[in-house]
Amino acid sequence: MALIMDPTWIPEDEVLLPQRLASVGYRCVGAGKWHLGHGAYKYTPTARGFHEFFGGYSGAQDHWEHISWTGGGPHRDNLRRSQHVGKDGHGAMSNFPRGKANVVDHHHDRWSRDGATLIHEHVTTDNYTHSTDAFTREAIRMVWDHDETKGDGPLFLYLPFTAPHWPTQFWQHHADMNHHIPGKKRQEFAGMITQLDESLRSIVEVFKRKDMWQNTLMIVFGDNGGDVTTGASNWPYRGTKTTPFEGGTRAAAFMHSPNPVLVPAERRGTESEALMHITDWFPTLLGLAGYDGSPAKEGKPLDGVDVWDALVAGIYDPINGPRTEMLYALDTVVPDGEDAFWKAMARQPQTFIDVTALRIGDWKLIEGWPGRSDWYGEDPSLFWPVDYINGVDVTDYAAIMQSKGGKIGDGGHFEYYRGGAKDVKSLKHRWLFNLKTDPTEQHDLQHERPDKVEELLARIKQLQAEQVAPFDNGGVNYFALVSGKNKVVPPGHYIGKTASGKRAIVHDLFSYDGFPAEGTTLLNGEPVTLSKLGSASAAPPPKTSKL
């Protein structure tokens, strides 16, 4: 796990999917969320295989203003209410008080078709254009501009929308279209999904008008289970985002192609039971794209496997299938010292810490402290009656029971918060499930099947020996902790000024060392000079654009 202070989340010697696809002729473009590091240019999208990228470098940006905002405050308007502070005065994303930081994180980076020039542009003109609308607009333009007569190969469009990720910010008419949902919080969350549906329809229409749809494969999937504190529902599964329970790890997905070679007619409208991990997309898509190399031999060993045939066939084979094992989590980084560990647990008992989760065949073991372990039911709107997502715990356990399918889990949190347990050391830290007979994880079988516990623990020990060492940068306050006179300015924050007088505070590379000589930095189309916040140093003066 890396933090915002880390220059990259992926070592630079890892070769990414767009780099592999570009090597076989694909034009790779993207719009949306990067969030993989931007400490130097070499870590950004157009240095890692993308010909063009539009969007934010970091995560949890404001959907309306595109700012790096992880604080919150009572001065924000109703559209921004998810940014409000908690009851204790703490910010919506942190247990620490934070200062307001309107730093725009909205970029448009692109290489010229001949690869001779690079534009690295900060965009501040989308203020109060919703992120879904902005990314959809740019995706449509990228598809429309695709031109094989100008040397463009087949197209890979990567579209990681930031919605419906927190903050829950939406168009009211989209929320109103979901008035059949009783809970207001879930109505609003569903409104963000409705907006995504409309966006995908618009993008598909452009593929059809460009006569590209017939040979296109569209894959749509979530990156984790829903965050129930924002109104998402994982019913009937257990848990929430960040937990290793099925509700936190199963992601909704679908794929479609009008090409019968890709998706046979008899498989349309059916469900696939094949077991698949997110890492499987890498070798699976390379196989479909005609990449005839071996990434595992040419680069680092792969965690993923090609599951295309099993995915299309829809068959789950826990013994002989392409994937028979699923590693959910191997997060064993903990504070040094026993007291430090238990103090961290006491601060946020509902947050995962020291967690490993592994599935082999039908059997799944969770070892450690996974955080929330309840079933939140069909509509979890009422169980978390505030707009912030992290801060003082306000779980309403009575509301959990009122939601259809809602049930209090056996992790011990209910007893701990109600005073029935003395301290966090009493929280449960092991579960064993048979997912074939118990997909919603109702029955812990660790005492009935100690042999399976030992089998999975032995495999976990093997995986730990193979694990890449985690980033170790100590405790980092996750944005800009403001406490009395102590103010920390995160890296990559600049004041940008143009010759015509335009000015903006922007989020950018931590350092311009290694920035391409053929590159030009712009602010809304004009050359810009960038000065780091908190210092008088400036980035290299930009050159006149050659495009």
Protein backbone atom coordinates (compact mmCIF):
# COMPACT_ATOMS: atom_id res chain seq x y z
CA MET A 1 0.00 0.00 0.00
CA ALA A 2 1.36 3.41 -0.94
CA LEU A 3 0.24 6.83 0.22
CA ILE A 4 -0.10 10.21 -1.44
CA MET A 5 3.42 11.06 -0.32
CA ASP A 6 4.90 8.18 -2.33
CA PRO A 7 6.11 9.08 -5.84
CA THR A 8 4.68 5.91 -7.37
CA TRP A 9 2.44 3.01 -6.42
CA ILE A 10 3.95 0.75 -9.10
CA PRO A 11 7.71 0.15 -9.42
CA GLU A 12 8.97 1.62 -12.67
CA ASP A 13 10.28 -1.73 -13.91
CA GLU A 14 6.75 -3.13 -14.02
CA VAL A 15 5.44 -3.13 -17.61
CA LEU A 16 1.77 -2.10 -17.71
CA LEU A 17 -1.10 -3.20 -19.94
CA PRO A 18 -1.07 -0.14 -22.26
CA GLN A 19 2.67 -0.58 -22.80
CA ARG A 20 2.15 -4.18 -23.89
CA LEU A 21 -0.82 -3.24 -26.09
CA ALA A 22 1.08 -0.35 -27.68
CA SER A 23 3.85 -2.79 -28.61
CA VAL A 24 1.38 -4.69 -30.83
CA GLY A 25 0.02 -1.56 -32.49
CA TYR A 26 -2.80 -0.37 -30.26
CA ARG A 27 -3.48 3.30 -29.69
CA CYS A 28 -4.11 3.53 -25.94
CA VAL A 29 -6.16 6.39 -24.52
CA GLY A 30 -7.80 6.97 -21.16
CA ALA A 31 -10.07 9.31 -19.24
CA GLY A 32 -10.74 9.19 -15.52
CA LYS A 33 -8.72 8.26 -12.46
CA TRP A 34 -4.99 7.43 -12.48
CA HIS A 35 -4.06 7.14 -8.78
CA LEU A 36 -0.91 5.11 -9.45
CA GLY A 37 1.69 7.74 -8.65
CA HIS A 38 2.91 11.00 -10.14
CA GLY A 39 6.11 11.83 -8.28
CA ALA A 40 7.89 12.21 -11.61
CA TYR A 41 6.82 12.21 -15.24
CA LYS A 42 7.99 8.60 -15.71
CA TYR A 43 5.20 7.46 -13.39
CA THR A 44 2.36 9.21 -15.25
CA PRO A 45 0.00 7.70 -17.87
CA THR A 46 1.70 9.05 -21.02
CA ALA A 47 5.03 7.69 -19.79
CA ARG A 48 3.52 4.25 -19.21
CA GLY A 49 1.92 3.40 -22.53
CA PHE A 50 -0.94 5.84 -23.00
CA HIS A 51 -0.88 8.12 -26.03
CA GLU A 52 -3.43 10.38 -24.35
CA PHE A 53 -4.93 10.70 -20.88
CA PHE A 54 -7.50 13.08 -19.38
CA GLY A 55 -8.30 13.11 -15.67
CA GLY A 56 -6.92 13.24 -12.16
CA TYR A 57 -3.62 11.92 -10.89
CA SER A 58 -4.84 11.23 -7.33
CA GLY A 59 -8.00 9.76 -5.81
CA ALA A 60 -11.22 10.85 -4.02
CA GLN A 61 -11.43 14.08 -5.98
CA ASP A 62 -14.42 16.34 -5.83
CA HIS A 63 -16.73 15.46 -8.73
CA TRP A 64 -17.82 19.06 -9.31
CA GLU A 65 -14.66 21.08 -8.75
CA HIS A 66 -11.98 18.41 -9.45
CA ILE A 67 -9.96 19.40 -6.42
CA SER A 68 -7.86 17.26 -4.12
CA TRP A 69 -10.15 17.60 -1.15
CA THR A 70 -9.93 15.18 1.71
CA GLY A 71 -10.96 17.50 4.47
CA GLY A 72 -14.43 18.99 4.54
CA GLY A 73 -16.18 21.80 6.31
CA PRO A 74 -19.59 23.22 7.22
CA HIS A 75 -19.20 26.08 4.75
CA ARG A 76 -19.81 23.82 1.71
CA ASP A 77 -23.20 23.96 0.02
CA ASN A 78 -25.82 21.24 -0.21
CA LEU A 79 -24.35 19.68 -3.35
CA ARG A 80 -21.15 19.21 -1.40
CA ARG A 81 -22.73 17.90 1.79
CA SER A 82 -20.70 14.70 1.66
CA GLN A 83 -17.75 16.92 2.49
CA HIS A 84 -19.25 18.06 5.79
CA VAL A 85 -17.37 17.42 9.00
CA GLY A 86 -18.43 14.78 11.47
CA LYS A 87 -20.12 15.38 14.80
CA ASP A 88 -16.74 15.76 16.46
CA GLY A 89 -15.57 18.41 14.01
CA HIS A 90 -13.32 16.02 12.12
CA GLY A 91 -13.08 15.91 8.34
CA ALA A 92 -15.02 13.47 6.23
CA MET A 93 -11.98 11.46 5.17
CA SER A 94 -9.81 11.66 8.27
CA ASN A 95 -9.69 11.53 12.03
CA PHE A 96 -7.55 14.67 12.02
CA PRO A 97 -8.66 18.28 11.51
CA ARG A 98 -7.60 19.52 8.11
CA GLY A 99 -7.36 22.80 6.30
CA LYS A 100 -9.28 23.59 3.15
CA ALA A 101 -7.15 22.89 0.07
CA ASN A 102 -8.68 23.84 -3.28
CA VAL A 103 -5.96 22.26 -5.39
CA VAL A 104 -7.15 21.36 -8.91
CA ASP A 105 -6.17 17.85 -10.03
CA HIS A 106 -7.44 17.76 -13.62
CA HIS A 107 -5.02 17.02 -16.45
CA HIS A 108 -4.92 16.53 -20.20
CA ASP A 109 -1.69 14.86 -21.29
CA ARG A 110 -1.15 13.78 -24.91
CA TRP A 111 1.55 12.89 -27.38
CA SER A 112 1.35 14.02 -30.99
CA ARG A 113 0.61 11.19 -33.40
CA ASP A 114 4.22 11.12 -34.56
CA GLY A 115 5.47 11.00 -30.96
CA ALA A 116 7.58 14.14 -31.47
CA THR A 117 5.88 16.43 -28.94
CA LEU A 118 4.12 16.08 -25.60
CA ILE A 119 1.52 18.39 -24.08
CA HIS A 120 1.16 18.28 -20.29
CA GLU A 121 -1.86 20.47 -19.54
CA HIS A 122 -3.67 21.57 -16.39
CA VAL A 123 -7.40 22.10 -16.95
CA THR A 124 -9.41 24.35 -14.63
CA THR A 125 -12.27 25.17 -17.01
CA ASP A 126 -14.43 22.19 -15.94
CA ASN A 127 -15.46 23.77 -12.64
CA TYR A 128 -18.98 22.46 -11.88
CA THR A 129 -18.89 20.06 -14.82
CA HIS A 130 -19.48 16.71 -13.11
CA SER A 131 -16.55 14.31 -13.43
CA THR A 132 -18.72 11.71 -15.17
CA ASP A 133 -19.76 14.29 -17.76
CA ALA A 134 -16.18 15.52 -18.25
CA PHE A 135 -14.72 12.03 -18.69
CA THR A 136 -17.57 11.02 -21.00
CA ARG A 137 -17.04 14.11 -23.14
CA GLU A 138 -13.34 13.35 -23.50
CA ALA A 139 -13.91 9.66 -24.19
CA ILE A 140 -16.34 10.54 -26.97
CA ARG A 141 -13.80 12.94 -28.46
CA MET A 142 -11.03 10.31 -28.28
CA VAL A 143 -13.17 7.75 -30.09
CA TRP A 144 -14.34 10.30 -32.64
CA ASP A 145 -10.77 11.43 -33.33
CA HIS A 146 -9.49 7.88 -33.82
CA ASP A 147 -8.32 7.67 -37.43
CA GLU A 148 -6.62 4.64 -38.92
CA THR A 149 -5.82 6.63 -42.07
CA LYS A 150 -3.48 8.72 -39.89
CA GLY A 151 -1.67 5.72 -38.52
CA ASP A 152 -3.87 4.88 -35.55
CA GLY A 153 -3.99 1.16 -34.85
CA PRO A 154 -6.81 -0.61 -33.01
CA LEU A 155 -8.12 1.35 -30.03
CA PHE A 156 -7.81 0.57 -26.32
CA LEU A 157 -10.03 2.95 -24.34
CA TYR A 158 -9.50 2.89 -20.57
CA LEU A 159 -12.30 4.70 -18.76
CA PRO A 160 -11.93 4.51 -14.95
CA PHE A 161 -14.80 6.77 -13.85
CA THR A 162 -14.38 8.26 -10.39
CA ALA A 163 -18.13 7.97 -9.71
CA PRO A 164 -19.78 6.48 -7.76
CA HIS A 165 -16.81 6.73 -5.40
CA TRP A 166 -17.21 9.09 -2.46
CA PRO A 167 -18.00 11.99 -2.31
CA THR A 168 -21.61 11.28 -3.23
CA GLN A 169 -22.30 14.16 -5.62
CA PHE A 170 -25.02 13.79 -8.20
CA TRP A 171 -27.53 15.46 -10.47
CA GLN A 172 -30.85 15.65 -8.65
CA HIS A 173 -32.83 14.42 -11.67
CA HIS A 174 -30.76 11.23 -11.67
CA ALA A 175 -31.52 10.66 -8.00
CA ASP A 176 -35.21 11.33 -8.69
CA MET A 177 -35.21 8.57 -11.32
CA ASN A 178 -34.55 6.16 -8.43
CA HIS A 179 -37.44 7.32 -6.24
CA HIS A 180 -38.61 3.70 -5.95
CA ILE A 181 -35.70 3.14 -3.51
CA PRO A 182 -36.88 3.96 0.04
CA GLY A 183 -33.60 5.20 1.51
CA LYS A 184 -32.58 8.71 0.43
CA LYS A 185 -28.85 8.01 0.73
CA ARG A 186 -29.17 4.97 -1.54
CA GLN A 187 -31.38 6.95 -3.96
CA GLU A 188 -28.59 9.48 -4.34
CA PHE A 189 -25.91 6.83 -4.76
CA ALA A 190 -28.05 5.10 -7.39
CA GLY A 191 -28.39 8.46 -9.15
CA MET A 192 -24.64 8.44 -9.78
CA ILE A 193 -25.01 4.96 -11.32
CA THR A 194 -27.86 6.16 -13.53
CA GLN A 195 -25.60 8.94 -14.80
CA LEU A 196 -22.94 6.34 -15.64
CA ASP A 197 -25.53 4.30 -17.56
CA GLU A 198 -26.38 7.33 -19.68
CA SER A 199 -22.69 8.01 -20.29
CA LEU A 200 -21.98 4.48 -21.48
CA ARG A 201 -24.94 4.69 -23.84
CA SER A 202 -23.52 7.87 -25.37
CA ILE A 203 -20.07 6.34 -25.79
CA VAL A 204 -21.47 3.19 -27.41
CA GLU A 205 -23.41 5.38 -29.85
CA VAL A 206 -20.17 7.03 -30.99
CA PHE A 207 -18.55 3.63 -31.60
CA LYS A 208 -21.57 2.75 -33.76
CA ARG A 209 -21.43 6.01 -35.72
CA LYS A 210 -17.71 5.47 -36.32
CA ASP A 211 -18.48 1.94 -37.60
CA MET A 212 -16.22 0.51 -34.88
CA TRP A 213 -18.81 -1.19 -32.70
CA GLN A 214 -19.02 -4.49 -34.57
CA ASN A 215 -15.48 -5.42 -33.59
CA THR A 216 -15.44 -3.86 -30.09
CA LEU A 217 -15.38 -5.69 -26.78
CA MET A 218 -16.82 -3.63 -23.90
CA ILE A 219 -15.99 -4.70 -20.34
CA VAL A 220 -17.59 -2.88 -17.41
CA PHE A 221 -16.70 -3.74 -13.81
CA GLY A 222 -16.33 -2.31 -10.34
CA ASP A 223 -13.02 -2.35 -8.50
CA ASN A 224 -14.38 -3.56 -5.14
CA GLY A 225 -17.55 -4.13 -3.20
CA GLY A 226 -19.71 -1.14 -2.39
CA ASP A 227 -19.03 1.25 0.49
CA VAL A 228 -22.18 0.91 2.57
CA THR A 229 -21.54 4.21 4.36
CA THR A 230 -22.22 5.99 1.03
CA GLY A 231 -25.46 4.09 0.31
CA ALA A 232 -24.04 1.22 -1.76
CA SER A 233 -25.56 -2.21 -1.20
CA ASN A 234 -23.77 -5.57 -1.30
CA TRP A 235 -26.85 -7.54 -0.33
CA PRO A 236 -27.08 -10.50 0.22
CA TYR A 237 -23.34 -10.65 0.84
CA ARG A 238 -21.50 -9.77 4.02
CA GLY A 239 -19.25 -6.79 4.66
CA THR A 240 -18.35 -3.61 2.82
CA LYS A 241 -15.54 -2.05 0.83
CA THR A 242 -12.08 -2.58 2.44
CA THR A 243 -13.19 -5.81 4.14
CA PRO A 244 -12.22 -9.25 2.77
CA PHE A 245 -15.76 -10.59 3.11
CA GLU A 246 -17.59 -11.35 -0.14
CA GLY A 247 -19.56 -8.11 0.05
CA GLY A 248 -16.33 -6.15 0.06
CA THR A 249 -14.62 -8.10 -2.71
CA ARG A 250 -17.22 -9.30 -5.20
CA ALA A 251 -17.65 -6.67 -7.90
CA ALA A 252 -20.54 -6.26 -10.31
CA ALA A 253 -19.45 -6.72 -13.94
CA PHE A 254 -20.67 -7.36 -17.46
CA MET A 255 -19.12 -7.61 -20.90
CA HIS A 256 -20.60 -7.34 -24.38
CA SER A 257 -19.58 -7.56 -28.00
CA PRO A 258 -21.73 -7.80 -31.12
CA ASN A 259 -18.93 -9.90 -32.64
CA PRO A 260 -19.97 -13.60 -32.30
CA VAL A 261 -16.33 -14.65 -32.41
CA LEU A 262 -15.83 -12.86 -29.09
CA VAL A 263 -19.22 -13.54 -27.48
CA PRO A 264 -21.17 -16.41 -29.08
CA ALA A 265 -24.86 -15.75 -29.63
CA GLU A 266 -25.89 -18.55 -27.30
CA ARG A 267 -23.98 -16.97 -24.40
CA ARG A 268 -25.60 -13.53 -24.66
CA GLY A 269 -27.72 -12.60 -21.67
CA THR A 270 -26.28 -15.38 -19.50
CA GLU A 271 -24.24 -15.33 -16.31
CA SER A 272 -20.72 -16.67 -15.92
CA GLU A 273 -19.79 -18.68 -12.83
CA ALA A 274 -16.06 -18.67 -13.63
CA LEU A 275 -13.74 -17.62 -10.81
CA MET A 276 -11.76 -14.51 -11.73
CA HIS A 277 -9.38 -12.12 -9.96
CA ILE A 278 -8.71 -8.54 -11.08
CA THR A 279 -5.12 -9.49 -12.01
CA ASP A 280 -6.49 -11.92 -14.61
CA TRP A 281 -7.52 -9.11 -16.95
CA PHE A 282 -3.88 -8.42 -17.85
CA PRO A 283 -3.05 -11.78 -19.51
CA THR A 284 -6.65 -12.26 -20.67
CA LEU A 285 -6.77 -9.00 -22.62
CA LEU A 286 -3.27 -9.50 -24.02
CA GLY A 287 -4.34 -12.88 -25.35
CA LEU A 288 -7.39 -11.36 -27.04
CA ALA A 289 -5.28 -8.53 -28.51
CA GLY A 290 -2.91 -10.92 -30.24
CA TYR A 291 0.10 -10.38 -28.00
CA ASP A 292 2.22 -13.43 -28.74
CA GLY A 293 4.93 -12.85 -26.16
CA SER A 294 5.11 -14.10 -22.60
CA PRO A 295 4.85 -11.24 -20.11
CA ALA A 296 5.70 -13.60 -17.27
CA LYS A 297 9.03 -14.43 -18.93
CA GLU A 298 9.74 -11.01 -20.42
CA GLY A 299 9.02 -9.12 -17.21
CA LYS A 300 8.15 -10.04 -13.66
CA PRO A 301 6.10 -13.13 -12.73
CA LEU A 302 2.36 -12.63 -13.14
CA ASP A 303 -0.31 -13.18 -10.51
CA GLY A 304 -3.01 -13.35 -13.17
CA VAL A 305 -3.98 -16.10 -15.63
CA ASP A 306 -5.84 -16.06 -18.94
CA VAL A 307 -9.44 -16.95 -18.05
CA TRP A 308 -11.18 -15.97 -21.30
CA ASP A 309 -12.38 -19.43 -22.34
CA ALA A 310 -13.70 -20.21 -18.87
CA LEU A 311 -15.28 -16.77 -18.59
CA VAL A 312 -17.20 -17.12 -21.85
CA ALA A 313 -18.15 -20.72 -21.14
CA GLY A 314 -19.37 -19.63 -17.72
CA ILE A 315 -17.98 -22.68 -15.97
CA TYR A 316 -16.59 -22.77 -12.43
CA ASP A 317 -14.12 -25.60 -11.88
CA PRO A 318 -12.50 -25.39 -8.43
CA ILE A 319 -10.02 -28.16 -9.22
CA ASN A 320 -8.99 -27.92 -12.88
CA GLY A 321 -10.10 -24.43 -13.88
CA PRO A 322 -7.62 -21.73 -14.90
CA ARG A 323 -8.02 -20.16 -11.45
CA THR A 324 -8.43 -22.35 -8.39
CA GLU A 325 -7.02 -19.99 -5.78
CA MET A 326 -7.91 -16.42 -4.80
CA LEU A 327 -5.75 -14.21 -2.60
CA TYR A 328 -7.97 -11.44 -1.24
CA ALA A 329 -5.52 -9.73 1.09
CA LEU A 330 -2.01 -10.12 2.44
CA ASP A 331 -1.76 -6.95 4.48
CA THR A 332 0.49 -7.63 7.45
CA VAL A 333 2.08 -4.19 7.85
CA VAL A 334 1.38 -3.11 11.43
CA PRO A 335 2.71 -0.47 13.83
CA ASP A 336 5.84 -1.49 15.71
CA GLY A 337 5.29 -2.70 19.24
CA GLU A 338 2.34 -4.43 20.85
CA ASP A 339 1.02 -1.28 22.48
CA ALA A 340 1.16 0.64 19.18
CA PHE A 341 -0.80 -2.13 17.44
CA TRP A 342 -3.58 -2.21 19.99
CA LYS A 343 -3.74 1.58 20.17
CA ALA A 344 -4.21 1.65 16.38
CA MET A 345 -6.96 -0.94 16.74
CA ALA A 346 -8.68 1.07 19.47
CA ARG A 347 -8.70 4.23 17.33
CA GLN A 348 -10.62 2.56 14.52
CA PRO A 349 -11.93 -0.91 15.42
CA GLN A 350 -14.08 -1.00 12.27
CA THR A 351 -11.01 -0.64 9.99
CA PHE A 352 -9.02 -3.63 8.75
CA ILE A 353 -5.54 -4.24 10.15
CA ASP A 354 -3.12 -7.18 9.88
CA VAL A 355 -5.47 -9.10 7.56
CA THR A 356 -4.83 -12.09 5.30
CA ALA A 357 -7.61 -13.76 3.34
CA LEU A 358 -7.23 -16.70 0.96
CA ARG A 359 -9.56 -18.96 -1.00
CA ILE A 360 -8.56 -22.38 -2.32
CA GLY A 361 -11.33 -24.13 -4.24
CA ASP A 362 -14.50 -23.59 -2.24
CA TRP A 363 -12.75 -22.89 1.08
CA LYS A 364 -11.94 -19.41 2.33
CA LEU A 365 -9.96 -18.37 5.40
CA ILE A 366 -9.85 -14.86 6.92
CA GLU A 367 -7.06 -14.32 9.43
CA GLY A 368 -6.67 -11.03 11.30
CA TRP A 369 -8.92 -8.05 11.99
CA PRO A 370 -11.02 -7.32 8.88
CA GLY A 371 -13.13 -4.49 10.28
CA ARG A 372 -16.87 -4.39 9.64
CA SER A 373 -18.34 -7.90 9.62
CA ASP A 374 -22.09 -7.24 9.44
CA TRP A 375 -24.66 -7.92 6.74
CA TYR A 376 -26.08 -4.50 5.86
CA GLY A 377 -29.09 -5.66 3.90
CA GLU A 378 -30.79 -4.47 0.75
CA ASP A 379 -30.78 -0.76 1.66
CA PRO A 380 -28.15 0.32 4.21
CA SER A 381 -29.11 4.01 4.06
CA LEU A 382 -30.12 4.33 7.70
CA PHE A 383 -27.34 2.45 9.46
CA TRP A 384 -24.80 5.29 8.90
CA PRO A 385 -26.84 8.48 9.50
CA VAL A 386 -24.14 11.03 8.59
CA ASP A 387 -22.47 12.25 5.41
CA TYR A 388 -18.84 11.70 6.34
CA ILE A 389 -17.29 8.28 5.78
CA ASN A 390 -14.51 8.23 8.34
CA GLY A 391 -14.49 9.64 11.82
CA VAL A 392 -16.43 8.99 14.99
CA ASP A 393 -18.26 5.68 14.61
CA VAL A 394 -22.03 6.24 14.47
CA THR A 395 -23.14 2.76 13.37
CA ASP A 396 -26.85 2.32 14.08
CA TYR A 397 -27.13 -1.40 14.76
CA ALA A 398 -30.91 -1.22 15.12
CA ALA A 399 -31.10 0.16 11.56
CA ILE A 400 -29.03 -2.77 10.28
CA MET A 401 -31.69 -5.14 11.59
CA GLN A 402 -34.44 -3.10 9.91
CA SER A 403 -32.88 -3.45 6.45
CA LYS A 404 -34.02 -6.48 4.46
CA GLY A 405 -31.39 -9.17 5.00
CA GLY A 406 -29.59 -7.07 7.61
CA LYS A 407 -27.85 -8.93 10.42
CA ILE A 408 -25.24 -8.10 13.07
CA GLY A 409 -22.04 -10.03 12.51
CA ASP A 410 -20.02 -12.13 14.92
CA GLY A 411 -16.89 -9.97 14.81
CA GLY A 412 -17.56 -8.52 18.25
CA HIS A 413 -17.93 -4.86 17.24
CA PHE A 414 -21.54 -4.61 18.41
CA GLU A 415 -20.58 -5.92 21.85
CA TYR A 416 -17.51 -3.68 21.98
CA TYR A 417 -19.43 -0.48 21.21
CA ARG A 418 -22.26 -1.41 23.56
CA GLY A 419 -19.82 -1.98 26.41
CA GLY A 420 -20.21 -5.74 26.55
CA ALA A 421 -16.55 -6.28 25.66
CA LYS A 422 -13.70 -4.82 27.67
CA ASP A 423 -11.33 -3.91 24.84
CA VAL A 424 -10.45 -4.51 21.19
CA LYS A 425 -8.44 -7.61 22.08
CA SER A 426 -11.77 -9.40 22.37
CA LEU A 427 -12.62 -8.87 18.68
CA LYS A 428 -12.75 -12.02 16.60
CA HIS A 429 -9.82 -12.62 14.23
CA ARG A 430 -10.43 -15.85 12.32
CA TRP A 431 -13.18 -17.23 10.06
CA LEU A 432 -13.43 -20.28 7.78
CA PHE A 433 -16.19 -20.59 5.18
CA ASN A 434 -17.27 -23.05 2.50
CA LEU A 435 -18.39 -20.66 -0.25
CA LYS A 436 -20.07 -23.39 -2.28
CA THR A 437 -22.61 -24.15 0.43
CA ASP A 438 -22.43 -20.78 2.19
CA PRO A 439 -21.74 -17.96 -0.33
CA THR A 440 -23.00 -15.27 2.08
CA GLU A 441 -20.60 -16.37 4.84
CA GLN A 442 -23.13 -17.12 7.55
CA HIS A 443 -21.40 -20.12 9.15
CA ASP A 444 -17.85 -20.13 10.51
CA LEU A 445 -16.47 -23.67 10.23
CA GLN A 446 -13.03 -23.19 11.74
CA HIS A 447 -13.75 -25.52 14.67
CA GLU A 448 -15.48 -28.16 12.53
CA ARG A 449 -12.68 -28.23 9.92
CA PRO A 450 -9.33 -27.52 11.56
CA ASP A 451 -7.69 -29.46 8.72
CA LYS A 452 -8.80 -26.81 6.24
CA VAL A 453 -7.57 -24.05 8.53
CA GLU A 454 -4.12 -25.65 8.63
CA GLU A 455 -4.12 -26.20 4.85
CA LEU A 456 -4.89 -22.56 4.11
CA LEU A 457 -2.50 -21.26 6.77
CA ALA A 458 0.30 -23.33 5.22
CA ARG A 459 -0.40 -21.82 1.81
CA ILE A 460 -0.53 -18.32 3.30
CA LYS A 461 2.91 -18.91 4.77
CA GLN A 462 4.20 -19.79 1.29
CA LEU A 463 2.65 -16.66 -0.22
CA GLN A 464 4.14 -14.47 2.50
CA ALA A 465 7.59 -15.80 1.59
CA GLU A 466 6.98 -14.73 -2.03
CA GLN A 467 5.52 -11.34 -1.15
CA VAL A 468 7.21 -8.22 -2.48
CA ALA A 469 8.39 -6.03 0.37
CA PRO A 470 5.85 -3.24 1.03
CA PHE A 471 6.65 0.44 0.86
CA ASP A 472 7.95 1.46 4.29
CA ASN A 473 7.77 5.19 4.80
CA GLY A 474 6.54 5.32 8.37
CA GLY A 475 3.31 6.98 9.39
CA VAL A 476 2.31 9.69 6.94
CA ASN A 477 -0.55 12.07 7.55
CA TYR A 478 -2.65 11.57 4.50
CA PHE A 479 -2.89 15.12 3.16
CA ALA A 480 -1.99 18.29 5.00
CA LEU A 481 -2.34 18.02 8.73
CA VAL A 482 -3.09 21.42 10.18
CA SER A 483 -2.70 21.56 13.92
CA GLY A 484 -1.92 24.89 15.57
CA LYS A 485 1.15 26.35 13.85
CA ASN A 486 2.13 23.08 12.21
CA LYS A 487 1.30 23.06 8.50
CA VAL A 488 2.57 20.43 6.05
CA VAL A 489 2.27 21.11 2.33
CA PRO A 490 2.07 17.82 0.40
CA PRO A 491 4.39 17.38 -2.59
CA GLY A 492 3.15 18.27 -6.05
CA HIS A 493 1.19 21.42 -5.17
CA TYR A 494 1.97 24.46 -7.32
CA ILE A 495 0.78 27.95 -8.12
CA GLY A 496 0.50 28.22 -11.88
CA LYS A 497 0.66 31.58 -13.69
CA THR A 498 0.42 32.44 -17.39
CA ALA A 499 1.58 35.51 -19.26
CA SER A 500 -2.03 36.62 -19.76
CA GLY A 501 -2.63 36.64 -16.00
CA LYS A 502 -4.36 33.28 -15.52
CA ARG A 503 -3.63 31.78 -12.11
CA ALA A 504 -4.52 28.50 -10.42
CA ILE A 505 -3.36 26.20 -7.62
CA VAL A 506 -2.78 22.81 -9.23
CA HIS A 507 -1.74 19.28 -8.34
CA ASP A 508 1.20 18.09 -10.42
CA LEU A 509 4.44 16.10 -10.53
CA PHE A 510 6.46 16.17 -7.32
CA SER A 511 9.52 16.96 -9.43
CA TYR A 512 10.12 17.96 -13.04
CA ASP A 513 13.44 16.11 -13.13
CA GLY A 514 13.30 13.83 -16.16
CA PHE A 515 10.44 15.69 -17.83
CA PRO A 516 10.74 15.10 -21.61
CA ALA A 517 12.70 17.72 -23.53
CA GLU A 518 9.95 17.67 -26.15
CA GLY A 519 7.28 18.42 -23.55
CA THR A 520 5.30 21.62 -22.97
CA THR A 521 3.35 22.45 -19.80
CA LEU A 522 0.12 24.42 -20.23
CA LEU A 523 -2.66 25.90 -18.14
CA ASN A 524 -5.92 25.97 -20.10
CA GLY A 525 -4.05 26.13 -23.40
CA GLU A 526 -1.41 28.69 -22.40
CA PRO A 527 2.24 28.14 -21.38
CA VAL A 528 2.49 28.29 -17.59
CA THR A 529 5.14 28.87 -14.95
CA LEU A 530 4.73 26.68 -11.85
CA SER A 531 6.00 27.67 -8.39
CA LYS A 532 5.84 25.15 -5.59
CA LEU A 533 3.55 26.01 -2.71
CA GLY A 534 5.55 26.90 0.34
CA SER A 535 8.69 27.82 -1.59
CA ALA A 536 9.98 30.21 -4.21
CA SER A 537 11.30 27.44 -6.46
CA ALA A 538 9.72 27.04 -9.85
CA ALA A 539 9.44 24.27 -12.40
CA PRO A 540 11.42 24.67 -15.65
CA PRO A 541 9.87 27.37 -17.87
CA PRO A 542 7.61 25.81 -20.51
CA LYS A 543 8.34 25.97 -24.19
CA THR A 544 6.00 27.12 -26.92
CA SER A 545 3.76 24.31 -28.03
CA LYS A 546 4.66 22.71 -31.35
CA LEU A 547 1.23 21.18 -31.82
